[in-house]
Amino acid sequence: MAQVFLIVGNTGAGKSTYAAKLAQQEKAHIFAVDVWMKNLFLMDMPDPASYEWALERTQRIEVQQLIETLGLLEKGMSVILDIGFFARSQRQRVANFLRQNDHIPQVHYLDVDKETRWQRVQDRNRGESETYQFEVSREVFEFCETIFEPLGEEERAQAFVLKP
């Protein structure tokens, strides 16, 4: 039976790497926000970049990815949503949308400490990762620390919590 997986974690948690492994295991299609953002919008990014600009575009990406997700699920193909899920409201919105369309999402939470995540980001920035899409500066990394909402107790109880 087709399944939809939500991959949750802060910057550098290993979401894209984990999603790729899970996709092979589950024979699932991945929708990765970073890939779409790079290919559709990065060339138009203002200087300096703004969170509001990026958020508006990632929200548009989310809408299209959810439409595509439903189409694949209807064809019996599992889907992995690697779209960050930084905000609890986004996780709830997407889960509710999927439930309203008769699909129960499975949340996989990568709970990784800050130091490990920053080292992974640095490695990725140097091209030492297959998941590199664009550079993440220390400033952006630290900003993400302020906006990421870790899973609460209720969310954790319903998720697969991974400490890779």
Protein backbone atom coordinates (compact mmCIF):
# COMPACT_ATOMS: atom_id res chain seq x y z
CA MET A 1 0.00 0.00 0.00
CA ALA A 2 1.27 3.47 -0.87
CA GLN A 3 2.55 5.50 2.07
CA VAL A 4 3.54 9.12 2.56
CA PHE A 5 6.52 9.97 4.76
CA LEU A 6 7.20 13.40 6.28
CA ILE A 7 10.90 13.95 6.99
CA VAL A 8 11.39 16.44 9.82
CA GLY A 9 14.61 17.93 11.12
CA ASN A 10 16.58 21.12 11.44
CA THR A 11 19.26 22.26 8.98
CA GLY A 12 22.02 19.67 8.67
CA ALA A 13 20.07 16.89 10.39
CA GLY A 14 20.54 14.63 7.37
CA LYS A 15 16.99 14.79 6.01
CA SER A 16 17.94 14.51 2.34
CA THR A 17 20.44 11.71 2.94
CA TYR A 18 17.89 9.84 5.03
CA ALA A 19 15.15 10.45 2.44
CA ALA A 20 17.35 8.96 -0.31
CA LYS A 21 17.94 5.79 1.72
CA LEU A 22 14.27 5.54 2.64
CA ALA A 23 13.28 6.03 -1.02
CA GLN A 24 15.37 3.03 -2.04
CA GLN A 25 13.99 0.92 0.79
CA GLU A 26 10.35 1.88 0.14
CA LYS A 27 10.61 2.38 -3.65
CA ALA A 28 9.22 5.86 -3.04
CA HIS A 29 9.41 9.15 -4.90
CA ILE A 30 11.07 12.07 -3.08
CA PHE A 31 9.84 15.64 -3.23
CA ALA A 32 12.72 17.74 -1.89
CA VAL A 33 12.11 21.44 -1.34
CA ASP A 34 15.80 22.34 -1.72
CA VAL A 35 15.95 20.85 -5.22
CA TRP A 36 12.81 22.70 -6.32
CA MET A 37 13.98 25.94 -4.70
CA LYS A 38 17.36 25.74 -6.43
CA ASN A 39 15.92 24.90 -9.86
CA LEU A 40 12.93 27.25 -9.81
CA PHE A 41 13.86 30.30 -7.75
CA LEU A 42 17.50 30.55 -6.64
CA MET A 43 18.55 32.48 -9.73
CA ASP A 44 15.98 35.17 -8.84
CA MET A 45 16.96 35.50 -5.19
CA PRO A 46 17.31 39.12 -4.09
CA ASP A 47 20.53 40.43 -2.58
CA PRO A 48 20.40 40.44 0.32
CA ALA A 49 18.21 37.37 0.61
CA SER A 50 15.18 37.57 2.86
CA TYR A 51 13.32 34.96 4.85
CA GLU A 52 9.98 36.31 3.62
CA TRP A 53 11.06 35.91 -0.01
CA ALA A 54 12.15 32.31 0.58
CA LEU A 55 9.10 31.43 2.68
CA GLU A 56 6.68 32.63 -0.01
CA ARG A 57 8.36 30.41 -2.59
CA THR A 58 8.64 27.36 -0.36
CA GLN A 59 4.92 27.67 0.37
CA ARG A 60 4.19 27.64 -3.37
CA ILE A 61 6.43 24.60 -3.76
CA GLU A 62 4.60 22.84 -0.92
CA VAL A 63 1.22 23.34 -2.61
CA GLN A 64 2.44 21.86 -5.89
CA GLN A 65 4.25 18.99 -4.19
CA LEU A 66 1.09 18.05 -2.29
CA ILE A 67 -0.91 18.03 -5.51
CA GLU A 68 1.72 15.79 -7.11
CA THR A 69 1.83 13.61 -3.98
CA LEU A 70 -1.88 12.84 -4.23
CA GLY A 71 -1.46 11.85 -7.88
CA LEU A 72 1.37 9.45 -7.08
CA LEU A 73 -0.45 7.96 -4.09
CA GLU A 74 -3.49 7.33 -6.29
CA LYS A 75 -1.21 5.36 -8.62
CA GLY A 76 0.04 3.26 -5.72
CA MET A 77 3.44 4.93 -5.34
CA SER A 78 4.78 5.95 -1.94
CA VAL A 79 6.05 9.52 -1.49
CA ILE A 80 8.64 11.11 0.76
CA LEU A 81 8.19 14.80 1.54
CA ASP A 82 11.61 16.27 2.34
CA ILE A 83 10.38 19.82 2.84
CA GLY A 84 11.89 20.57 6.24
CA PHE A 85 8.75 20.94 8.28
CA PHE A 86 10.38 23.58 10.47
CA ALA A 87 7.07 24.86 11.83
CA ARG A 88 4.58 22.84 13.83
CA SER A 89 1.80 24.61 11.92
CA GLN A 90 3.23 23.36 8.61
CA ARG A 91 3.45 19.79 9.91
CA GLN A 92 -0.16 19.99 11.10
CA ARG A 93 -1.37 21.61 7.87
CA VAL A 94 0.23 18.97 5.66
CA ALA A 95 -0.86 16.07 7.90
CA ASN A 96 -4.44 17.39 7.96
CA PHE A 97 -4.44 17.80 4.17
CA LEU A 98 -3.25 14.22 3.72
CA ARG A 99 -5.77 12.85 6.22
CA GLN A 100 -8.59 14.74 4.48
CA ASN A 101 -7.52 12.88 1.34
CA ASP A 102 -7.52 9.48 3.10
CA HIS A 103 -3.77 9.16 3.68
CA ILE A 104 -2.15 8.84 7.10
CA PRO A 105 1.35 10.35 7.00
CA GLN A 106 4.25 8.71 8.77
CA VAL A 107 6.56 11.24 10.44
CA HIS A 108 10.29 10.52 10.65
CA TYR A 109 12.08 12.98 12.92
CA LEU A 110 15.85 13.33 12.75
CA ASP A 111 16.81 14.63 16.18
CA VAL A 112 20.46 15.62 15.79
CA ASP A 113 22.50 17.91 18.03
CA LYS A 114 23.55 21.35 16.81
CA GLU A 115 27.31 20.68 16.64
CA THR A 116 26.85 17.57 14.47
CA ARG A 117 24.45 19.43 12.19
CA TRP A 118 26.83 22.37 11.74
CA GLN A 119 29.70 19.99 10.87
CA ARG A 120 27.47 18.31 8.27
CA VAL A 121 26.55 21.69 6.78
CA GLN A 122 30.24 22.62 6.52
CA ASP A 123 31.01 19.28 4.84
CA ARG A 124 28.12 19.80 2.43
CA ASN A 125 29.25 23.36 1.67
CA ARG A 126 32.69 21.99 0.70
CA GLY A 127 31.05 19.62 -1.78
CA GLU A 128 31.51 16.56 0.42
CA SER A 129 27.86 15.58 0.16
CA GLU A 130 25.65 14.21 -2.60
CA THR A 131 22.78 16.33 -1.27
CA TYR A 132 24.41 19.72 -1.86
CA GLN A 133 22.03 22.19 -3.52
CA PHE A 134 23.32 25.56 -2.32
CA GLU A 135 25.60 26.96 0.36
CA VAL A 136 24.25 27.47 3.86
CA SER A 137 26.17 30.16 5.73
CA ARG A 138 26.69 30.19 9.49
CA GLU A 139 24.30 33.15 9.62
CA VAL A 140 21.55 31.17 7.85
CA PHE A 141 22.27 28.12 10.00
CA GLU A 142 21.91 30.18 13.18
CA PHE A 143 18.73 31.79 11.87
CA CYS A 144 17.28 28.31 11.29
CA GLU A 145 17.99 27.56 14.94
CA THR A 146 15.56 30.34 15.86
CA ILE A 147 12.71 29.23 13.60
CA PHE A 148 12.82 25.42 13.89
CA GLU A 149 10.16 24.05 16.22
CA PRO A 150 11.20 20.63 17.54
CA LEU A 151 8.52 17.99 17.86
CA GLY A 152 6.56 18.30 21.07
CA GLU A 153 5.69 15.32 23.26
CA GLU A 154 2.48 14.52 21.42
CA GLU A 155 4.14 14.73 18.00
CA ARG A 156 7.12 12.63 19.19
CA ALA A 157 4.77 9.95 20.50
CA GLN A 158 3.35 9.51 16.99
CA ALA A 159 6.67 9.77 15.07
CA PHE A 160 9.66 7.63 14.34
CA VAL A 161 12.38 9.51 16.23
CA LEU A 162 15.83 8.89 14.82
CA LYS A 163 19.14 9.98 16.29
CA PRO A 164 21.48 9.28 13.37
